[in-house]
Structure formats: C-alpha cells, structure tokens
C-alpha atoms as a PDB file:
ATOM      1  CA  MET A   1      38.583-110.268 -31.245  1.00  0.00           C
ATOM      2  CA  SER A   2      40.166-112.737 -33.589  1.00  0.00           C
ATOM      3  CA  ARG A   3      43.883-113.406 -33.589  1.00  0.00           C
ATOM      4  CA  LYS A   4      44.222-111.661 -36.974  1.00  0.00           C
ATOM      5  CA  GLN A   5      42.510-108.501 -35.664  1.00  0.00           C
ATOM      6  CA  PHE A   6      44.772-108.514 -32.583  1.00  0.00           C
ATOM      7  CA  ILE A   7      48.029-108.823 -34.590  1.00  0.00           C
ATOM      8  CA  LEU A   8      47.377-105.662 -36.625  1.00  0.00           C
ATOM      9  CA  PRO A   9      47.242-103.247 -33.612  1.00  0.00           C
ATOM     10  CA  VAL A  10      50.289-104.915 -32.039  1.00  0.00           C
ATOM     11  CA  SER A  11      52.202-104.564 -35.311  1.00  0.00           C
ATOM     12  CA  LEU A  12      51.284-100.887 -35.566  1.00  0.00           C
ATOM     13  CA  ILE A  13      52.426-100.299 -31.996  1.00  0.00           C
ATOM     14  CA  ALA A  14      55.732-102.065 -32.702  1.00  0.00           C
ATOM     15  CA  VAL A  15      56.350-100.026 -35.859  1.00  0.00           C
ATOM     16  CA  PHE A  16      55.450 -96.787 -34.067  1.00  0.00           C
ATOM     17  CA  SER A  17      57.800 -97.686 -31.182  1.00  0.00           C
ATOM     18  CA  VAL A  18      60.712 -98.338 -33.542  1.00  0.00           C
ATOM     19  CA  ILE A  19      60.128 -95.012 -35.329  1.00  0.00           C
ATOM     20  CA  ILE A  20      60.043 -93.134 -31.997  1.00  0.00           C
ATOM     21  CA  ALA A  21      63.205 -94.925 -30.832  1.00  0.00           C
ATOM     22  CA  PHE A  22      65.086 -93.727 -33.924  1.00  0.00           C
ATOM     23  CA  LEU A  23      63.699 -90.195 -33.854  1.00  0.00           C
ATOM     24  CA  PHE A  24      64.014 -89.503 -30.112  1.00  0.00           C
ATOM     25  CA  PRO A  25      67.781 -88.781 -30.153  1.00  0.00           C
ATOM     26  CA  VAL A  26      67.138 -86.202 -32.870  1.00  0.00           C
ATOM     27  CA  ILE A  27      63.910 -84.560 -31.711  1.00  0.00           C
ATOM     28  CA  GLY A  28      63.838 -85.511 -28.047  1.00  0.00           C
ATOM     29  CA  PRO A  29      66.350 -83.091 -26.538  1.00  0.00           C
ATOM     30  CA  ARG A  30      65.134 -80.087 -28.486  1.00  0.00           C
ATOM     31  CA  PHE A  31      61.353 -80.595 -28.493  1.00  0.00           C
ATOM     32  CA  ILE A  32      60.119 -83.334 -26.188  1.00  0.00           C
ATOM     33  CA  MET A  33      62.354 -82.708 -23.154  1.00  0.00           C
ATOM     34  CA  PRO A  34      61.376 -79.019 -22.784  1.00  0.00           C
ATOM     35  CA  LEU A  35      57.723 -80.044 -22.920  1.00  0.00           C
ATOM     36  CA  MET A  36      58.293 -82.670 -20.241  1.00  0.00           C
ATOM     37  CA  MET A  37      60.255 -80.263 -18.046  1.00  0.00           C
ATOM     38  CA  GLY A  38      57.848 -77.345 -18.342  1.00  0.00           C
ATOM     39  CA  ASN A  39      60.187 -75.370 -20.625  1.00  0.00           C
ATOM     40  CA  ASN A  40      61.429 -73.199 -17.741  1.00  0.00           C
ATOM     41  CA  PRO A  41      63.507 -70.319 -19.062  1.00  0.00           C
ATOM     42  CA  ALA A  42      66.843 -69.524 -17.450  1.00  0.00           C
ATOM     43  CA  PRO A  43      66.750 -66.795 -14.792  1.00  0.00           C
ATOM     44  CA  THR A  44      66.912 -63.343 -16.373  1.00  0.00           C
ATOM     45  CA  ASP A  45      69.711 -62.188 -14.036  1.00  0.00           C
ATOM     46  CA  LEU A  46      71.998 -65.159 -14.791  1.00  0.00           C
ATOM     47  CA  ASN A  47      75.697 -64.270 -15.060  1.00  0.00           C
ATOM     48  CA  THR A  48      76.901 -65.757 -18.362  1.00  0.00           C
ATOM     49  CA  MET A  49      80.277 -63.999 -18.453  1.00  0.00           C
ATOM     50  CA  THR A  50      83.134 -66.196 -19.682  1.00  0.00           C
ATOM     51  CA  ASN A  51      85.863 -64.300 -17.805  1.00  0.00           C
ATOM     52  CA  ARG A  52      85.670 -63.589 -14.086  1.00  0.00           C
ATOM     53  CA  LEU A  53      87.084 -64.147 -10.603  1.00  0.00           C
ATOM     54  CA  THR A  54      86.562 -67.357  -8.644  1.00  0.00           C
ATOM     55  CA  ASP A  55      84.207 -67.423  -5.638  1.00  0.00           C
ATOM     56  CA  ASN A  56      86.895 -66.259  -3.176  1.00  0.00           C
ATOM     57  CA  SER A  57      88.711 -64.046  -5.730  1.00  0.00           C
ATOM     58  CA  LEU A  58      91.889 -66.165  -5.702  1.00  0.00           C
ATOM     59  CA  TYR A  59      91.967 -66.751  -9.458  1.00  0.00           C
ATOM     60  CA  ARG A  60      90.744 -65.156 -12.679  1.00  0.00           C
ATOM     61  CA  VAL A  61      89.310 -67.785 -15.004  1.00  0.00           C
ATOM     62  CA  SER A  62      88.128 -67.562 -18.593  1.00  0.00           C
ATOM     63  CA  PHE A  63      87.221 -70.065 -21.273  1.00  0.00           C
ATOM     64  CA  ILE A  64      86.620 -70.512 -24.968  1.00  0.00           C
ATOM     65  CA  THR A  65      84.760 -73.433 -26.521  1.00  0.00           C
ATOM     66  CA  ILE A  66      85.825 -75.597 -29.438  1.00  0.00           C
ATOM     67  CA  PRO A  67      83.768 -75.515 -31.589  1.00  0.00           C
ATOM     68  CA  ASN A  68      82.023 -72.226 -31.026  1.00  0.00           C
ATOM     69  CA  PRO A  69      79.060 -72.041 -30.811  1.00  0.00           C
ATOM     70  CA  ILE A  70      78.317 -75.180 -28.830  1.00  0.00           C
ATOM     71  CA  ALA A  71      76.001 -77.626 -30.624  1.00  0.00           C
ATOM     72  CA  ILE A  72      73.558 -79.745 -28.651  1.00  0.00           C
ATOM     73  CA  ASN A  73      74.543 -83.433 -28.447  1.00  0.00           C
ATOM     74  CA  ASP A  74      78.027 -82.834 -29.893  1.00  0.00           C
ATOM     75  CA  MET A  75      81.169 -83.461 -27.882  1.00  0.00           C
ATOM     76  CA  HIS A  76      83.210 -80.312 -27.443  1.00  0.00           C
ATOM     77  CA  SER A  77      86.214 -79.001 -25.544  1.00  0.00           C
ATOM     78  CA  TRP A  78      87.028 -75.890 -23.568  1.00  0.00           C
ATOM     79  CA  ILE A  79      90.319 -74.097 -23.237  1.00  0.00           C
ATOM     80  CA  LEU A  80      90.333 -72.817 -19.686  1.00  0.00           C
ATOM     81  CA  ASN A  81      92.703 -69.953 -18.882  1.00  0.00           C
ATOM     82  CA  LEU A  82      93.750 -69.667 -15.243  1.00  0.00           C
ATOM     83  CA  GLN A  83      95.517 -66.662 -13.732  1.00  0.00           C
ATOM     84  CA  THR A  84      96.118 -65.334 -10.260  1.00  0.00           C
ATOM     85  CA  ALA A  85      93.853 -62.432  -9.313  1.00  0.00           C
ATOM     86  CA  ASP A  86      96.645 -60.028 -10.334  1.00  0.00           C
ATOM     87  CA  GLY A  87      97.030 -61.584 -13.808  1.00  0.00           C
ATOM     88  CA  GLN A  88      99.918 -64.091 -13.503  1.00  0.00           C
ATOM     89  CA  ALA A  89      99.491 -67.391 -15.387  1.00  0.00           C
ATOM     90  CA  VAL A  90      98.923 -70.454 -13.172  1.00  0.00           C
ATOM     91  CA  ASP A  91     100.528 -73.530 -14.707  1.00  0.00           C
ATOM     92  CA  ASP A  92     100.575 -75.974 -11.789  1.00  0.00           C
ATOM     93  CA  ALA A  93      96.881 -76.323 -10.968  1.00  0.00           C
ATOM     94  CA  GLU A  94      94.767 -79.367 -10.281  1.00  0.00           C
ATOM     95  CA  ILE A  95      91.322 -78.776 -11.731  1.00  0.00           C
ATOM     96  CA  GLY A  96      88.170 -80.804 -11.147  1.00  0.00           C
ATOM     97  CA  VAL A  97      85.140 -80.481 -13.429  1.00  0.00           C
ATOM     98  CA  ASP A  98      81.459 -81.012 -12.615  1.00  0.00           C
ATOM     99  CA  GLY A  99      78.121 -79.471 -13.483  1.00  0.00           C
ATOM    100  CA  GLY A 100      74.604 -80.068 -14.683  1.00  0.00           C
ATOM    101  CA  MET A 101      71.207 -78.476 -15.207  1.00  0.00           C
ATOM    102  CA  PRO A 102      69.997 -76.810 -11.993  1.00  0.00           C
ATOM    103  CA  GLN A 103      66.380 -76.529 -13.138  1.00  0.00           C
ATOM    104  CA  HIS A 104      66.195 -80.202 -14.072  1.00  0.00           C
ATOM    105  CA  GLY A 105      68.184 -81.564 -11.141  1.00  0.00           C
ATOM    106  CA  HIS A 106      70.612 -83.696 -13.163  1.00  0.00           C
ATOM    107  CA  GLY A 107      74.338 -83.614 -13.766  1.00  0.00           C
ATOM    108  CA  LEU A 108      76.375 -83.581 -16.928  1.00  0.00           C
ATOM    109  CA  PRO A 109      75.796 -86.539 -19.278  1.00  0.00           C
ATOM    110  CA  THR A 110      79.572 -87.065 -19.566  1.00  0.00           C
ATOM    111  CA  ARG A 111      82.586 -86.929 -17.258  1.00  0.00           C
ATOM    112  CA  PRO A 112      84.662 -84.054 -18.590  1.00  0.00           C
ATOM    113  CA  GLN A 113      88.192 -83.605 -17.323  1.00  0.00           C
ATOM    114  CA  VAL A 114      91.305 -81.558 -17.814  1.00  0.00           C
ATOM    115  CA  THR A 115      93.423 -83.650 -20.170  1.00  0.00           C
ATOM    116  CA  GLU A 116      96.364 -81.352 -20.842  1.00  0.00           C
ATOM    117  CA  ASN A 117      98.229 -78.407 -19.377  1.00  0.00           C
ATOM    118  CA  LEU A 118      98.872 -76.269 -22.474  1.00  0.00           C
ATOM    119  CA  GLY A 119     101.130 -73.786 -20.661  1.00  0.00           C
ATOM    120  CA  ASN A 120     100.738 -70.057 -20.060  1.00  0.00           C
ATOM    121  CA  GLY A 121      97.783 -70.770 -17.754  1.00  0.00           C
ATOM    122  CA  ASP A 122      95.804 -72.668 -20.428  1.00  0.00           C
ATOM    123  CA  TYR A 123      94.242 -76.068 -19.744  1.00  0.00           C
ATOM    124  CA  LEU A 124      92.393 -78.330 -22.172  1.00  0.00           C
ATOM    125  CA  VAL A 125      89.055 -79.606 -20.860  1.00  0.00           C
ATOM    126  CA  GLU A 126      87.659 -82.480 -22.917  1.00  0.00           C
ATOM    127  CA  GLY A 127      84.543 -84.613 -22.808  1.00  0.00           C
ATOM    128  CA  LEU A 128      81.825 -81.958 -22.517  1.00  0.00           C
ATOM    129  CA  ARG A 129      78.415 -82.559 -24.066  1.00  0.00           C
ATOM    130  CA  PHE A 130      75.054 -80.940 -23.427  1.00  0.00           C
ATOM    131  CA  GLN A 131      72.134 -83.096 -24.527  1.00  0.00           C
ATOM    132  CA  MET A 132      69.373 -80.478 -24.468  1.00  0.00           C
ATOM    133  CA  PRO A 133      68.786 -76.747 -24.672  1.00  0.00           C
ATOM    134  CA  GLY A 134      68.517 -74.675 -21.518  1.00  0.00           C
ATOM    135  CA  TRP A 135      70.594 -73.479 -18.600  1.00  0.00           C
ATOM    136  CA  TRP A 136      73.713 -75.500 -17.804  1.00  0.00           C
ATOM    137  CA  GLU A 137      76.330 -74.990 -15.096  1.00  0.00           C
ATOM    138  CA  VAL A 138      79.951 -76.044 -15.531  1.00  0.00           C
ATOM    139  CA  LYS A 139      81.800 -76.024 -12.216  1.00  0.00           C
ATOM    140  CA  PHE A 140      85.541 -76.022 -11.675  1.00  0.00           C
ATOM    141  CA  GLU A 141      87.368 -76.763  -8.434  1.00  0.00           C
ATOM    142  CA  ILE A 142      90.853 -75.278  -8.683  1.00  0.00           C
ATOM    143  CA  THR A 143      93.823 -76.022  -6.411  1.00  0.00           C
ATOM    144  CA  ALA A 144      97.234 -74.428  -6.954  1.00  0.00           C
ATOM    145  CA  ALA A 145     100.089 -73.532  -4.595  1.00  0.00           C
ATOM    146  CA  GLY A 146      98.115 -74.883  -1.638  1.00  0.00           C
ATOM    147  CA  GLN A 147      95.085 -72.654  -2.277  1.00  0.00           C
ATOM    148  CA  SER A 148      91.679 -73.863  -3.462  1.00  0.00           C
ATOM    149  CA  ASP A 149      88.773 -71.986  -4.962  1.00  0.00           C
ATOM    150  CA  ASN A 150      85.714 -72.675  -7.112  1.00  0.00           C
ATOM    151  CA  ILE A 151      83.965 -71.096 -10.052  1.00  0.00           C
ATOM    152  CA  THR A 152      80.714 -71.885 -11.814  1.00  0.00           C
ATOM    153  CA  PHE A 153      80.122 -70.815 -15.394  1.00  0.00           C
ATOM    154  CA  ASN A 154      76.545 -70.551 -16.663  1.00  0.00           C
ATOM    155  CA  VAL A 155      75.838 -71.576 -20.233  1.00  0.00           C
ATOM    156  CA  VAL A 156      72.420 -71.086 -21.832  1.00  0.00           C
ATOM    157  CA  LEU A 157      71.814 -73.043 -25.031  1.00  0.00           C
ATOM    158  CA  PRO A 158      68.925 -72.145 -27.335  1.00  0.00           C
END
C-alpha cells in the first residue's frame, strides 16, 4: 500500500472520530447508552411517589423539581419539604444527598447538595443532573434534633 493510499483511510477515520465526538453528548445518553447497557426497564413495582415517610417513619419528605419535567443532561434543582411524621415543619435539619443508577452501578454525575434553608421545612437542593434515561435513585440522609433517618426517591426518566 502506498503512502497516499494509507493517508485516505486514516483521514476518514479521523473525520469520523471527530463527528462521533461532537454527536455523542447529544445522542449518546439517549440512544447509545441504553444499547450498551441492555436497555433494562425499571422494575414494574418501583415506588415513584414524591411524598412519603422516611425509612424509619421519623419524617415526611416531599419534593418538587425545577424545572418540571426534568430534562436529561440539564442541571436542575429540587425543593425538598421536610416535616415530622405528624406534620410539623423541620427547619433545623442537616441533609446529605447521594444517589445513582442501581441497574448501571454508577452514582450521580454531579455532587448535589442542600444550598439553602428556605424556611417552613423547605430546603433547596442544587446541582442535580441525570445524563441518561432510566431509573435513578436520589437518596437523602436527614438529621434533625438528634434523630437521623434516610429516604430514597425513585425517578424514572423516559
């Protein structure tokens, strides 16, 4: 193979690689990643309620998302409402945030955190982003008045 014949395939590979690199952030999460991961659907009995008691029933927690609905690959925030089990607002809580995709075995692509206590039991959670469709868990560890409890919210994105 002459040098001229060799340069043409290498050039085509380089051009193709650049095109893929630019398109992957757009098409990758929605189309390629599900193919790579087997496109496992979320369990049919998954609890996707946005208002419920924590694991040990110490707190009632609910959330709304901003914006709603959640868009893949866009940063968004949650307003988390925290009450005692009998409905009293909890304004002095320390709240940790974690999560990920259980079926894929990876965590969140960002490090969300509570950035502001809005009062009346409302807390602003910023820095959330989901980079692909599927089943996500967002976990909160809540400590207030010397008592700790956890809650996991399930979010399924189309």
